[in-house]
């Protein structure tokens, strides 16, 4: 690969931030991408709105917010996989995500078919 690992990580972060704004209507406060072995790990901070934090005061509220936020991201999964493919040249094998209702962080893990880190 001609591009540096840091460059690809930064491009993925930039593209996912833009996807959030276009698809979800608002972006996170910060996005950090790390390529580790066969994974692209994206950490997004500042995901939850103040209203969502107040809903998270109860167990039912936490479950509800996690479910809704997960469904929103899953509905845009093809776009997200496209971002990873465009920036890395590698197809996504599987996608995993979760959100912390305490810190307001979301973690996205894209598992790839190859060890991308070795190609840098």
PDB file of N, CA and C in Angstrom:
ATOM      1  N   UNK A   1       0.861  -1.190   0.000  1.00  0.00           N
ATOM      2  CA  UNK A   1       0.000   0.000   0.000  1.00  0.00           C
ATOM      3  C   UNK A   1       0.897   1.239   0.000  1.00  0.00           C
ATOM      4  N   UNK A   2       0.595   2.206  -0.859  1.00  0.00           N
ATOM      5  CA  UNK A   2       1.441   3.402  -0.988  1.00  0.00           C
ATOM      6  C   UNK A   2       1.190   4.417   0.124  1.00  0.00           C
ATOM      7  N   UNK A   3      -0.010   4.412   0.691  1.00  0.00           N
ATOM      8  CA  UNK A   3      -0.349   5.389   1.725  1.00  0.00           C
ATOM      9  C   UNK A   3       0.132   4.874   3.090  1.00  0.00           C
ATOM     10  N   UNK A   4       0.438   5.812   3.998  1.00  0.00           N
ATOM     11  CA  UNK A   4       0.872   5.413   5.337  1.00  0.00           C
ATOM     12  C   UNK A   4      -0.338   4.970   6.165  1.00  0.00           C
ATOM     13  N   UNK A   5      -0.053   4.180   7.195  1.00  0.00           N
ATOM     14  CA  UNK A   5      -1.103   3.714   8.104  1.00  0.00           C
ATOM     15  C   UNK A   5      -1.831   4.907   8.726  1.00  0.00           C
ATOM     16  N   UNK A   6      -1.075   5.896   9.180  1.00  0.00           N
ATOM     17  CA  UNK A   6      -1.678   7.088   9.788  1.00  0.00           C
ATOM     18  C   UNK A   6      -2.579   7.845   8.834  1.00  0.00           C
ATOM     19  N   UNK A   7      -2.169   7.921   7.569  1.00  0.00           N
ATOM     20  CA  UNK A   7      -2.985   8.607   6.558  1.00  0.00           C
ATOM     21  C   UNK A   7      -4.307   7.874   6.351  1.00  0.00           C
ATOM     22  N   UNK A   8      -4.250   6.549   6.219  1.00  0.00           N
ATOM     23  CA  UNK A   8      -5.473   5.753   6.002  1.00  0.00           C
ATOM     24  C   UNK A   8      -6.387   5.868   7.219  1.00  0.00           C
ATOM     25  N   UNK A   9      -5.807   5.797   8.418  1.00  0.00           N
ATOM     26  CA  UNK A   9      -6.610   5.933   9.641  1.00  0.00           C
ATOM     27  C   UNK A   9      -7.302   7.294   9.684  1.00  0.00           C
ATOM     28  N   UNK A  10      -6.575   8.351   9.343  1.00  0.00           N
ATOM     29  CA  UNK A  10      -7.150   9.709   9.348  1.00  0.00           C
ATOM     30  C   UNK A  10      -8.263   9.839   8.308  1.00  0.00           C
ATOM     31  N   UNK A  11      -8.066   9.251   7.123  1.00  0.00           N
ATOM     32  CA  UNK A  11      -9.087   9.308   6.074  1.00  0.00           C
ATOM     33  C   UNK A  11     -10.358   8.570   6.488  1.00  0.00           C
ATOM     34  N   UNK A  12     -10.194   7.419   7.139  1.00  0.00           N
ATOM     35  CA  UNK A  12     -11.367   6.677   7.627  1.00  0.00           C
ATOM     36  C   UNK A  12     -12.118   7.526   8.652  1.00  0.00           C
ATOM     37  N   UNK A  13     -11.388   8.129   9.592  1.00  0.00           N
ATOM     38  CA  UNK A  13     -12.021   8.995  10.605  1.00  0.00           C
ATOM     39  C   UNK A  13     -12.789  10.133   9.947  1.00  0.00           C
ATOM     40  N   UNK A  14     -12.160  10.780   8.971  1.00  0.00           N
ATOM     41  CA  UNK A  14     -12.792  11.904   8.273  1.00  0.00           C
ATOM     42  C   UNK A  14     -14.055  11.444   7.535  1.00  0.00           C
ATOM     43  N   UNK A  15     -13.967  10.317   6.847  1.00  0.00           N
ATOM     44  CA  UNK A  15     -15.109   9.798   6.091  1.00  0.00           C
ATOM     45  C   UNK A  15     -16.257   9.373   6.998  1.00  0.00           C
ATOM     46  N   UNK A  16     -15.942   8.752   8.138  1.00  0.00           N
ATOM     47  CA  UNK A  16     -17.000   8.327   9.066  1.00  0.00           C
ATOM     48  C   UNK A  16     -17.657   9.541   9.716  1.00  0.00           C
ATOM     49  N   UNK A  17     -16.879  10.572  10.011  1.00  0.00           N
ATOM     50  CA  UNK A  17     -17.453  11.816  10.547  1.00  0.00           C
ATOM     51  C   UNK A  17     -18.434  12.410   9.540  1.00  0.00           C
ATOM     52  N   UNK A  18     -18.057  12.430   8.268  1.00  0.00           N
ATOM     53  CA  UNK A  18     -18.946  12.956   7.227  1.00  0.00           C
ATOM     54  C   UNK A  18     -20.191  12.082   7.082  1.00  0.00           C
ATOM     55  N   UNK A  19     -20.020  10.764   7.155  1.00  0.00           N
ATOM     56  CA  UNK A  19     -21.161   9.840   7.083  1.00  0.00           C
ATOM     57  C   UNK A  19     -22.136  10.120   8.223  1.00  0.00           C
ATOM     58  N   UNK A  20     -21.605  10.334   9.420  1.00  0.00           N
ATOM     59  CA  UNK A  20     -22.468  10.644  10.574  1.00  0.00           C
ATOM     60  C   UNK A  20     -23.299  11.901  10.306  1.00  0.00           C
ATOM     61  N   UNK A  21     -22.651  12.931   9.799  1.00  0.00           N
ATOM     62  CA  UNK A  21     -23.354  14.190   9.538  1.00  0.00           C
ATOM     63  C   UNK A  21     -24.418  14.010   8.457  1.00  0.00           C
ATOM     64  N   UNK A  22     -24.070  13.294   7.381  1.00  0.00           N
ATOM     65  CA  UNK A  22     -25.001  13.095   6.277  1.00  0.00           C
ATOM     66  C   UNK A  22     -26.134  12.138   6.633  1.00  0.00           C
ATOM     67  N   UNK A  23     -25.795  11.034   7.285  1.00  0.00           N
ATOM     68  CA  UNK A  23     -26.758   9.957   7.522  1.00  0.00           C
ATOM     69  C   UNK A  23     -27.532  10.131   8.825  1.00  0.00           C
ATOM     70  N   UNK A  24     -26.828  10.538   9.892  1.00  0.00           N
ATOM     71  CA  UNK A  24     -27.470  10.656  11.204  1.00  0.00           C
ATOM     72  C   UNK A  24     -27.883  12.089  11.537  1.00  0.00           C
ATOM     73  N   UNK A  25     -27.384  13.053  10.764  1.00  0.00           N
ATOM     74  CA  UNK A  25     -27.782  14.438  10.997  1.00  0.00           C
ATOM     75  C   UNK A  25     -26.871  15.210  11.931  1.00  0.00           C
ATOM     76  N   UNK A  26     -25.949  14.514  12.589  1.00  0.00           N
ATOM     77  CA  UNK A  26     -24.987  15.183  13.461  1.00  0.00           C
ATOM     78  C   UNK A  26     -23.773  14.289  13.617  1.00  0.00           C
ATOM     79  N   UNK A  27     -22.635  14.920  13.858  1.00  0.00           N
ATOM     80  CA  UNK A  27     -21.399  14.153  14.015  1.00  0.00           C
ATOM     81  C   UNK A  27     -20.995  14.047  15.470  1.00  0.00           C
ATOM     82  N   UNK A  28     -20.057  13.166  15.737  1.00  0.00           N
ATOM     83  CA  UNK A  28     -19.533  13.027  17.093  1.00  0.00           C
ATOM     84  C   UNK A  28     -18.527  14.144  17.346  1.00  0.00           C
ATOM     85  N   UNK A  29     -18.120  14.290  18.587  1.00  0.00           N
ATOM     86  CA  UNK A  29     -17.164  15.325  18.965  1.00  0.00           C
ATOM     87  C   UNK A  29     -15.775  14.989  18.414  1.00  0.00           C
ATOM     88  N   UNK A  30     -15.397  13.694  18.502  1.00  0.00           N
ATOM     89  CA  UNK A  30     -14.111  13.279  17.944  1.00  0.00           C
ATOM     90  C   UNK A  30     -14.176  11.839  17.472  1.00  0.00           C
ATOM     91  N   UNK A  31     -13.360  11.530  16.476  1.00  0.00           N
ATOM     92  CA  UNK A  31     -13.294  10.188  15.910  1.00  0.00           C
ATOM     93  C   UNK A  31     -11.823   9.803  15.798  1.00  0.00           C
ATOM     94  N   UNK A  32     -11.487   8.603  16.273  1.00  0.00           N
ATOM     95  CA  UNK A  32     -10.111   8.096  16.189  1.00  0.00           C
ATOM     96  C   UNK A  32     -10.171   6.696  15.602  1.00  0.00           C
ATOM     97  N   UNK A  33      -9.367   6.465  14.580  1.00  0.00           N
ATOM     98  CA  UNK A  33      -9.324   5.158  13.928  1.00  0.00           C
ATOM     99  C   UNK A  33      -7.960   4.521  14.145  1.00  0.00           C
ATOM    100  N   UNK A  34      -7.971   3.219  14.454  1.00  0.00           N
ATOM    101  CA  UNK A  34      -6.734   2.460  14.610  1.00  0.00           C
ATOM    102  C   UNK A  34      -6.831   1.190  13.781  1.00  0.00           C
ATOM    103  N   UNK A  35      -5.791   0.919  13.001  1.00  0.00           N
ATOM    104  CA  UNK A  35      -5.710  -0.333  12.252  1.00  0.00           C
ATOM    105  C   UNK A  35      -4.840  -1.264  13.080  1.00  0.00           C
ATOM    106  N   UNK A  36      -5.417  -2.395  13.476  1.00  0.00           N
ATOM    107  CA  UNK A  36      -4.721  -3.370  14.306  1.00  0.00           C
ATOM    108  C   UNK A  36      -4.957  -4.756  13.712  1.00  0.00           C
ATOM    109  N   UNK A  37      -3.899  -5.379  13.240  1.00  0.00           N
ATOM    110  CA  UNK A  37      -3.990  -6.690  12.591  1.00  0.00           C
ATOM    111  C   UNK A  37      -5.073  -6.672  11.505  1.00  0.00           C
ATOM    112  N   UNK A  38      -6.108  -7.515  11.664  1.00  0.00           N
ATOM    113  CA  UNK A  38      -7.169  -7.583  10.652  1.00  0.00           C
ATOM    114  C   UNK A  38      -8.402  -6.771  11.046  1.00  0.00           C
ATOM    115  N   UNK A  39      -8.190  -5.757  11.907  1.00  0.00           N
ATOM    116  CA  UNK A  39      -9.317  -4.949  12.382  1.00  0.00           C
ATOM    117  C   UNK A  39      -9.086  -3.460  12.138  1.00  0.00           C
ATOM    118  N   UNK A  40     -10.182  -2.787  11.837  1.00  0.00           N
ATOM    119  CA  UNK A  40     -10.194  -1.327  11.825  1.00  0.00           C
ATOM    120  C   UNK A  40     -11.093  -0.953  12.990  1.00  0.00           C
ATOM    121  N   UNK A  41     -10.499  -0.314  13.998  1.00  0.00           N
ATOM    122  CA  UNK A  41     -11.224   0.039  15.219  1.00  0.00           C
ATOM    123  C   UNK A  41     -11.457   1.544  15.212  1.00  0.00           C
ATOM    124  N   UNK A  42     -12.723   1.925  15.271  1.00  0.00           N
ATOM    125  CA  UNK A  42     -13.090   3.337  15.240  1.00  0.00           C
ATOM    126  C   UNK A  42     -13.752   3.682  16.571  1.00  0.00           C
ATOM    127  N   UNK A  43     -13.201   4.688  17.255  1.00  0.00           N
ATOM    128  CA  UNK A  43     -13.763   5.158  18.516  1.00  0.00           C
ATOM    129  C   UNK A  43     -14.340   6.546  18.283  1.00  0.00           C
ATOM    130  N   UNK A  44     -15.626   6.700  18.585  1.00  0.00           N
ATOM    131  CA  UNK A  44     -16.325   7.971  18.387  1.00  0.00           C
ATOM    132  C   UNK A  44     -16.742   8.500  19.748  1.00  0.00           C
ATOM    133  N   UNK A  45     -16.361   9.725  20.052  1.00  0.00           N
ATOM    134  CA  UNK A  45     -16.702  10.333  21.342  1.00  0.00           C
ATOM    135  C   UNK A  45     -17.770  11.403  21.145  1.00  0.00           C
ATOM    136  N   UNK A  46     -18.597  11.585  22.175  1.00  0.00           N
ATOM    137  CA  UNK A  46     -19.624  12.621  22.126  1.00  0.00           C
ATOM    138  C   UNK A  46     -20.801  12.245  21.252  1.00  0.00           C
ATOM    139  N   UNK A  47     -21.217  10.998  21.351  1.00  0.00           N
ATOM    140  CA  UNK A  47     -22.287  10.471  20.505  1.00  0.00           C
ATOM    141  C   UNK A  47     -23.677  10.867  21.011  1.00  0.00           C
ATOM    142  N   UNK A  48     -23.884  10.718  22.318  1.00  0.00           N
ATOM    143  CA  UNK A  48     -25.227  10.915  22.872  1.00  0.00           C
ATOM    144  C   UNK A  48     -25.596  12.388  23.043  1.00  0.00           C
ATOM    145  N   UNK A  49     -26.866  12.671  22.841  1.00  0.00           N
ATOM    146  CA  UNK A  49     -27.391  14.021  23.067  1.00  0.00           C
ATOM    147  C   UNK A  49     -27.711  14.177  24.562  1.00  0.00           C
ATOM    148  N   UNK A  50     -27.853  15.418  25.054  1.00  0.00           N
ATOM    149  CA  UNK A  50     -28.244  15.599  26.460  1.00  0.00           C
ATOM    150  C   UNK A  50     -29.570  14.889  26.784  1.00  0.00           C
ATOM    151  N   UNK A  51     -30.508  14.890  25.848  1.00  0.00           N
ATOM    152  CA  UNK A  51     -31.791  14.213  26.069  1.00  0.00           C
ATOM    153  C   UNK A  51     -31.594  12.701  26.223  1.00  0.00           C
ATOM    154  N   UNK A  52     -30.690  12.137  25.414  1.00  0.00           N
ATOM    155  CA  UNK A  52     -30.433  10.696  25.515  1.00  0.00           C
ATOM    156  C   UNK A  52     -29.792  10.350  26.858  1.00  0.00           C
ATOM    157  N   UNK A  53     -28.890  11.207  27.338  1.00  0.00           N
ATOM    158  CA  UNK A  53     -28.293  10.963  28.658  1.00  0.00           C
ATOM    159  C   UNK A  53     -29.371  10.915  29.742  1.00  0.00           C
ATOM    160  N   UNK A  54     -30.347  11.815  29.669  1.00  0.00           N
ATOM    161  CA  UNK A  54     -31.392  11.821  30.701  1.00  0.00           C
ATOM    162  C   UNK A  54     -32.275  10.575  30.602  1.00  0.00           C
ATOM    163  N   UNK A  55     -32.513  10.070  29.392  1.00  0.00           N
ATOM    164  CA  UNK A  55     -33.280   8.829  29.216  1.00  0.00           C
ATOM    165  C   UNK A  55     -32.513   7.646  29.817  1.00  0.00           C
ATOM    166  N   UNK A  56     -31.186   7.739  29.821  1.00  0.00           N
ATOM    167  CA  UNK A  56     -30.334   6.650  30.319  1.00  0.00           C
ATOM    168  C   UNK A  56     -30.285   6.563  31.841  1.00  0.00           C
ATOM    169  N   UNK A  57     -31.141   7.323  32.520  1.00  0.00           N
ATOM    170  CA  UNK A  57     -31.205   7.235  33.977  1.00  0.00           C
ATOM    171  C   UNK A  57     -31.817   5.920  34.448  1.00  0.00           C
ATOM    172  N   UNK A  58     -32.536   5.229  33.565  1.00  0.00           N
ATOM    173  CA  UNK A  58     -33.153   3.961  33.937  1.00  0.00           C
ATOM    174  C   UNK A  58     -32.599   2.837  33.068  1.00  0.00           C
ATOM    175  N   UNK A  59     -32.719   1.610  33.566  1.00  0.00           N
ATOM    176  CA  UNK A  59     -32.252   0.446  32.801  1.00  0.00           C
ATOM    177  C   UNK A  59     -33.011   0.348  31.475  1.00  0.00           C
ATOM    178  N   UNK A  60     -34.318   0.588  31.515  1.00  0.00           N
ATOM    179  CA  UNK A  60     -35.138   0.540  30.298  1.00  0.00           C
ATOM    180  C   UNK A  60     -34.678   1.606  29.302  1.00  0.00           C
ATOM    181  N   UNK A  61     -34.322   2.766  29.815  1.00  0.00           N
ATOM    182  CA  UNK A  61     -33.843   3.852  28.967  1.00  0.00           C
ATOM    183  C   UNK A  61     -32.523   3.497  28.295  1.00  0.00           C
ATOM    184  N   UNK A  62     -31.620   2.886  29.061  1.00  0.00           N
ATOM    185  CA  UNK A  62     -30.322   2.462  28.513  1.00  0.00           C
ATOM    186  C   UNK A  62     -30.535   1.462  27.386  1.00  0.00           C
ATOM    187  N   UNK A  63     -31.381   0.457  27.633  1.00  0.00           N
ATOM    188  CA  UNK A  63     -31.657  -0.568  26.623  1.00  0.00           C
ATOM    189  C   UNK A  63     -32.268   0.067  25.379  1.00  0.00           C
ATOM    190  N   UNK A  64     -33.174   0.998  25.586  1.00  0.00           N
ATOM    191  CA  UNK A  64     -33.842   1.678  24.477  1.00  0.00           C
ATOM    192  C   UNK A  64     -32.865   2.488  23.620  1.00  0.00           C
ATOM    193  N   UNK A  65     -32.033   3.280  24.262  1.00  0.00           N
ATOM    194  CA  UNK A  65     -31.049   4.109  23.537  1.00  0.00           C
ATOM    195  C   UNK A  65     -30.066   3.229  22.779  1.00  0.00           C
ATOM    196  N   UNK A  66     -29.549   2.173  23.442  1.00  0.00           N
ATOM    197  CA  UNK A  66     -28.608   1.269  22.775  1.00  0.00           C
ATOM    198  C   UNK A  66     -29.258   0.630  21.554  1.00  0.00           C
ATOM    199  N   UNK A  67     -30.509   0.211  21.692  1.00  0.00           N
ATOM    200  CA  UNK A  67     -31.217  -0.464  20.595  1.00  0.00           C
ATOM    201  C   UNK A  67     -31.438   0.494  19.424  1.00  0.00           C
ATOM    202  N   UNK A  68     -31.936   1.676  19.714  1.00  0.00           N
ATOM    203  CA  UNK A  68     -32.213   2.658  18.651  1.00  0.00           C
ATOM    204  C   UNK A  68     -30.923   3.059  17.949  1.00  0.00           C
ATOM    205  N   UNK A  69     -29.890   3.376  18.722  1.00  0.00           N
ATOM    206  CA  UNK A  69     -28.611   3.804  18.135  1.00  0.00           C
ATOM    207  C   UNK A  69     -27.982   2.682  17.308  1.00  0.00           C
ATOM    208  N   UNK A  70     -28.109   1.448  17.782  1.00  0.00           N
ATOM    209  CA  UNK A  70     -27.570   0.307  17.049  1.00  0.00           C
ATOM    210  C   UNK A  70     -28.319   0.123  15.725  1.00  0.00           C
ATOM    211  N   UNK A  71     -29.634   0.227  15.761  1.00  0.00           N
ATOM    212  CA  UNK A  71     -30.436   0.090  14.538  1.00  0.00           C
ATOM    213  C   UNK A  71     -30.101   1.187  13.532  1.00  0.00           C
ATOM    214  N   UNK A  72     -29.865   2.403  14.014  1.00  0.00           N
ATOM    215  CA  UNK A  72     -29.497   3.499  13.109  1.00  0.00           C
ATOM    216  C   UNK A  72     -28.191   3.205  12.387  1.00  0.00           C
ATOM    217  N   UNK A  73     -27.180   2.768  13.140  1.00  0.00           N
ATOM    218  CA  UNK A  73     -25.879   2.471  12.535  1.00  0.00           C
ATOM    219  C   UNK A  73     -25.993   1.268  11.598  1.00  0.00           C
ATOM    220  N   UNK A  74     -26.684   0.226  12.039  1.00  0.00           N
ATOM    221  CA  UNK A  74     -26.839  -0.984  11.208  1.00  0.00           C
ATOM    222  C   UNK A  74     -27.557  -0.664   9.895  1.00  0.00           C
ATOM    223  N   UNK A  75     -28.467   0.301   9.912  1.00  0.00           N
ATOM    224  CA  UNK A  75     -29.185   0.649   8.677  1.00  0.00           C
ATOM    225  C   UNK A  75     -28.280   1.348   7.665  1.00  0.00           C
ATOM    226  N   UNK A  76     -27.129   1.828   8.117  1.00  0.00           N
ATOM    227  CA  UNK A  76     -26.180   2.465   7.213  1.00  0.00           C
ATOM    228  C   UNK A  76     -24.913   1.649   7.008  1.00  0.00           C
ATOM    229  N   UNK A  77     -24.979   0.349   7.360  1.00  0.00           N
ATOM    230  CA  UNK A  77     -23.783  -0.488   7.343  1.00  0.00           C
ATOM    231  C   UNK A  77     -23.149  -0.595   5.962  1.00  0.00           C
ATOM    232  N   UNK A  78     -23.940  -0.614   4.903  1.00  0.00           N
ATOM    233  CA  UNK A  78     -23.348  -0.730   3.560  1.00  0.00           C
ATOM    234  C   UNK A  78     -22.475   0.480   3.244  1.00  0.00           C
ATOM    235  N   UNK A  79     -22.928   1.675   3.661  1.00  0.00           N
ATOM    236  CA  UNK A  79     -22.117   2.892   3.481  1.00  0.00           C
ATOM    237  C   UNK A  79     -20.816   2.782   4.262  1.00  0.00           C
ATOM    238  N   UNK A  80     -20.912   2.311   5.496  1.00  0.00           N
ATOM    239  CA  UNK A  80     -19.724   2.186   6.344  1.00  0.00           C
ATOM    240  C   UNK A  80     -18.733   1.179   5.764  1.00  0.00           C
ATOM    241  N   UNK A  81     -19.237   0.042   5.314  1.00  0.00           N
ATOM    242  CA  UNK A  81     -18.364  -0.966   4.690  1.00  0.00           C
ATOM    243  C   UNK A  81     -17.717  -0.386   3.431  1.00  0.00           C
ATOM    244  N   UNK A  82     -18.465   0.447   2.708  1.00  0.00           N
ATOM    245  CA  UNK A  82     -17.939   1.100   1.510  1.00  0.00           C
ATOM    246  C   UNK A  82     -16.796   2.045   1.833  1.00  0.00           C
ATOM    247  N   UNK A  83     -16.898   2.759   2.955  1.00  0.00           N
ATOM    248  CA  UNK A  83     -15.826   3.668   3.389  1.00  0.00           C
ATOM    249  C   UNK A  83     -14.554   2.859   3.661  1.00  0.00           C
ATOM    250  N   UNK A  84     -14.695   1.755   4.375  1.00  0.00           N
ATOM    251  CA  UNK A  84     -13.528   0.926   4.708  1.00  0.00           C
ATOM    252  C   UNK A  84     -12.914   0.349   3.435  1.00  0.00           C
ATOM    253  N   UNK A  85     -13.745  -0.155   2.528  1.00  0.00           N
ATOM    254  CA  UNK A  85     -13.246  -0.717   1.270  1.00  0.00           C
ATOM    255  C   UNK A  85     -12.523   0.343   0.445  1.00  0.00           C
ATOM    256  N   UNK A  86     -13.114   1.530   0.364  1.00  0.00           N
ATOM    257  CA  UNK A  86     -12.512   2.614  -0.429  1.00  0.00           C
ATOM    258  C   UNK A  86     -11.151   3.026   0.135  1.00  0.00           C
ATOM    259  N   UNK A  87     -11.050   3.123   1.447  1.00  0.00           N
ATOM    260  CA  UNK A  87      -9.819   3.618   2.067  1.00  0.00           C
ATOM    261  C   UNK A  87      -8.737   2.550   2.215  1.00  0.00           C
ATOM    262  N   UNK A  88      -9.146   1.269   2.317  1.00  0.00           N
ATOM    263  CA  UNK A  88      -8.158   0.216   2.561  1.00  0.00           C
ATOM    264  C   UNK A  88      -7.971  -0.718   1.374  1.00  0.00           C
ATOM    265  N   UNK A  89      -8.971  -0.778   0.503  1.00  0.00           N
ATOM    266  CA  UNK A  89      -8.923  -1.728  -0.606  1.00  0.00           C
ATOM    267  C   UNK A  89      -9.269  -3.138  -0.169  1.00  0.00           C
ATOM    268  N   UNK A  90      -9.777  -3.292   1.051  1.00  0.00           N
ATOM    269  CA  UNK A  90     -10.095  -4.617   1.598  1.00  0.00           C
ATOM    270  C   UNK A  90     -11.571  -4.659   2.001  1.00  0.00           C
ATOM    271  N   UNK A  91     -12.226  -5.783   1.690  1.00  0.00           N
ATOM    272  CA  UNK A  91     -13.631  -5.967   2.065  1.00  0.00           C
ATOM    273  C   UNK A  91     -13.759  -6.261   3.559  1.00  0.00           C
ATOM    274  N   UNK A  92     -14.890  -5.859   4.116  1.00  0.00           N
ATOM    275  CA  UNK A  92     -15.199  -6.098   5.524  1.00  0.00           C
ATOM    276  C   UNK A  92     -15.826  -7.483   5.667  1.00  0.00           C
ATOM    277  N   UNK A  93     -15.266  -8.300   6.581  1.00  0.00           N
ATOM    278  CA  UNK A  93     -15.802  -9.638   6.844  1.00  0.00           C
ATOM    279  C   UNK A  93     -16.972  -9.564   7.829  1.00  0.00           C
ATOM    280  N   UNK A  94     -16.807  -8.758   8.878  1.00  0.00           N
ATOM    281  CA  UNK A  94     -17.886  -8.604   9.865  1.00  0.00           C
ATOM    282  C   UNK A  94     -17.763  -7.250  10.543  1.00  0.00           C
ATOM    283  N   UNK A  95     -18.875  -6.831  11.164  1.00  0.00           N
ATOM    284  CA  UNK A  95     -18.953  -5.523  11.802  1.00  0.00           C
ATOM    285  C   UNK A  95     -19.534  -5.699  13.199  1.00  0.00           C
ATOM    286  N   UNK A  96     -18.919  -5.030  14.173  1.00  0.00           N
ATOM    287  CA  UNK A  96     -19.365  -5.100  15.559  1.00  0.00           C
ATOM    288  C   UNK A  96     -19.378  -3.677  16.119  1.00  0.00           C
ATOM    289  N   UNK A  97     -20.392  -3.372  16.924  1.00  0.00           N
ATOM    290  CA  UNK A  97     -20.448  -2.032  17.510  1.00  0.00           C
ATOM    291  C   UNK A  97     -21.176  -2.053  18.845  1.00  0.00           C
ATOM    292  N   UNK A  98     -20.810  -1.103  19.689  1.00  0.00           N
ATOM    293  CA  UNK A  98     -21.532  -0.895  20.937  1.00  0.00           C
ATOM    294  C   UNK A  98     -21.326   0.553  21.353  1.00  0.00           C
ATOM    295  N   UNK A  99     -22.226   1.013  22.209  1.00  0.00           N
ATOM    296  CA  UNK A  99     -22.169   2.387  22.699  1.00  0.00           C
ATOM    297  C   UNK A  99     -22.211   2.360  24.220  1.00  0.00           C
ATOM    298  N   UNK A 100     -21.426   3.216  24.849  1.00  0.00           N
ATOM    299  CA  UNK A 100     -21.466   3.350  26.299  1.00  0.00           C
ATOM    300  C   UNK A 100     -22.419   4.476  26.648  1.00  0.00           C
ATOM    301  N   UNK A 101     -23.426   4.155  27.438  1.00  0.00           N
ATOM    302  CA  UNK A 101     -24.383   5.196  27.852  1.00  0.00           C
ATOM    303  C   UNK A 101     -23.832   6.003  29.021  1.00  0.00           C
ATOM    304  N   UNK A 102     -22.649   5.625  29.517  1.00  0.00           N
ATOM    305  CA  UNK A 102     -22.004   6.386  30.595  1.00  0.00           C
ATOM    306  C   UNK A 102     -21.069   7.432  29.993  1.00  0.00           C
ATOM    307  N   UNK A 103     -20.164   6.995  29.105  1.00  0.00           N
ATOM    308  CA  UNK A 103     -19.191   7.925  28.523  1.00  0.00           C
ATOM    309  C   UNK A 103     -19.683   8.573  27.230  1.00  0.00           C
ATOM    310  N   UNK A 104     -20.713   7.994  26.620  1.00  0.00           N
ATOM    311  CA  UNK A 104     -21.202   8.523  25.344  1.00  0.00           C
ATOM    312  C   UNK A 104     -20.292   8.164  24.182  1.00  0.00           C
ATOM    313  N   UNK A 105     -19.441   7.151  24.353  1.00  0.00           N
ATOM    314  CA  UNK A 105     -18.545   6.700  23.287  1.00  0.00           C
ATOM    315  C   UNK A 105     -19.164   5.534  22.533  1.00  0.00           C
ATOM    316  N   UNK A 106     -18.901   5.482  21.229  1.00  0.00           N
ATOM    317  CA  UNK A 106     -19.263   4.325  20.421  1.00  0.00           C
ATOM    318  C   UNK A 106     -17.963   3.727  19.902  1.00  0.00           C
ATOM    319  N   UNK A 107     -17.911   2.400  19.890  1.00  0.00           N
ATOM    320  CA  UNK A 107     -16.786   1.697  19.288  1.00  0.00           C
ATOM    321  C   UNK A 107     -17.332   0.907  18.108  1.00  0.00           C
ATOM    322  N   UNK A 108     -16.670   1.038  16.966  1.00  0.00           N
ATOM    323  CA  UNK A 108     -17.009   0.250  15.785  1.00  0.00           C
ATOM    324  C   UNK A 108     -15.787  -0.593  15.457  1.00  0.00           C
ATOM    325  N   UNK A 109     -16.000  -1.866  15.233  1.00  0.00           N
ATOM    326  CA  UNK A 109     -14.898  -2.745  14.833  1.00  0.00           C
ATOM    327  C   UNK A 109     -15.268  -3.390  13.505  1.00  0.00           C
ATOM    328  N   UNK A 110     -14.432  -3.141  12.520  1.00  0.00           N
ATOM    329  CA  UNK A 110     -14.590  -3.750  11.211  1.00  0.00           C
ATOM    330  C   UNK A 110     -13.536  -4.851  11.103  1.00  0.00           C
ATOM    331  N   UNK A 111     -13.967  -6.107  11.037  1.00  0.00           N
ATOM    332  CA  UNK A 111     -13.039  -7.233  10.845  1.00  0.00           C
ATOM    333  C   UNK A 111     -12.868  -7.406   9.344  1.00  0.00           C
ATOM    334  N   UNK A 112     -11.596  -7.514   8.924  1.00  0.00           N
ATOM    335  CA  UNK A 112     -11.285  -7.630   7.501  1.00  0.00           C
ATOM    336  C   UNK A 112     -10.892  -9.064   7.145  1.00  0.00           C
ATOM    337  N   UNK A 113     -10.803  -9.326   5.861  1.00  0.00           N
ATOM    338  CA  UNK A 113     -10.411 -10.649   5.386  1.00  0.00           C
ATOM    339  C   UNK A 113      -8.903 -10.886   5.446  1.00  0.00           C
ATOM    340  N   UNK A 114      -8.127  -9.806   5.614  1.00  0.00           N
ATOM    341  CA  UNK A 114      -6.666  -9.948   5.682  1.00  0.00           C
ATOM    342  C   UNK A 114      -6.120  -9.140   6.858  1.00  0.00           C
ATOM    343  N   UNK A 115      -4.868  -9.404   7.194  1.00  0.00           N
ATOM    344  CA  UNK A 115      -4.163  -8.622   8.205  1.00  0.00           C
ATOM    345  C   UNK A 115      -3.663  -7.353   7.505  1.00  0.00           C
ATOM    346  N   UNK A 116      -4.467  -6.307   7.565  1.00  0.00           N
ATOM    347  CA  UNK A 116      -4.157  -5.047   6.872  1.00  0.00           C
ATOM    348  C   UNK A 116      -2.904  -4.392   7.434  1.00  0.00           C
ATOM    349  N   UNK A 117      -2.684  -4.516   8.729  1.00  0.00           N
ATOM    350  CA  UNK A 117      -1.552  -3.850   9.371  1.00  0.00           C
ATOM    351  C   UNK A 117      -0.220  -4.292   8.751  1.00  0.00           C
ATOM    352  N   UNK A 118      -0.139  -5.540   8.329  1.00  0.00           N
ATOM    353  CA  UNK A 118       1.095  -6.059   7.718  1.00  0.00           C
ATOM    354  C   UNK A 118       1.414  -5.391   6.388  1.00  0.00           C
ATOM    355  N   UNK A 119       0.414  -4.792   5.745  1.00  0.00           N
ATOM    356  CA  UNK A 119       0.645  -4.208   4.415  1.00  0.00           C
ATOM    357  C   UNK A 119       1.268  -2.813   4.467  1.00  0.00           C
ATOM    358  N   UNK A 120       1.499  -2.282   5.670  1.00  0.00           N
ATOM    359  CA  UNK A 120       2.108  -0.941   5.771  1.00  0.00           C
ATOM    360  C   UNK A 120       3.593  -1.036   6.007  1.00  0.00           C
TER     361      UNK A 120
END
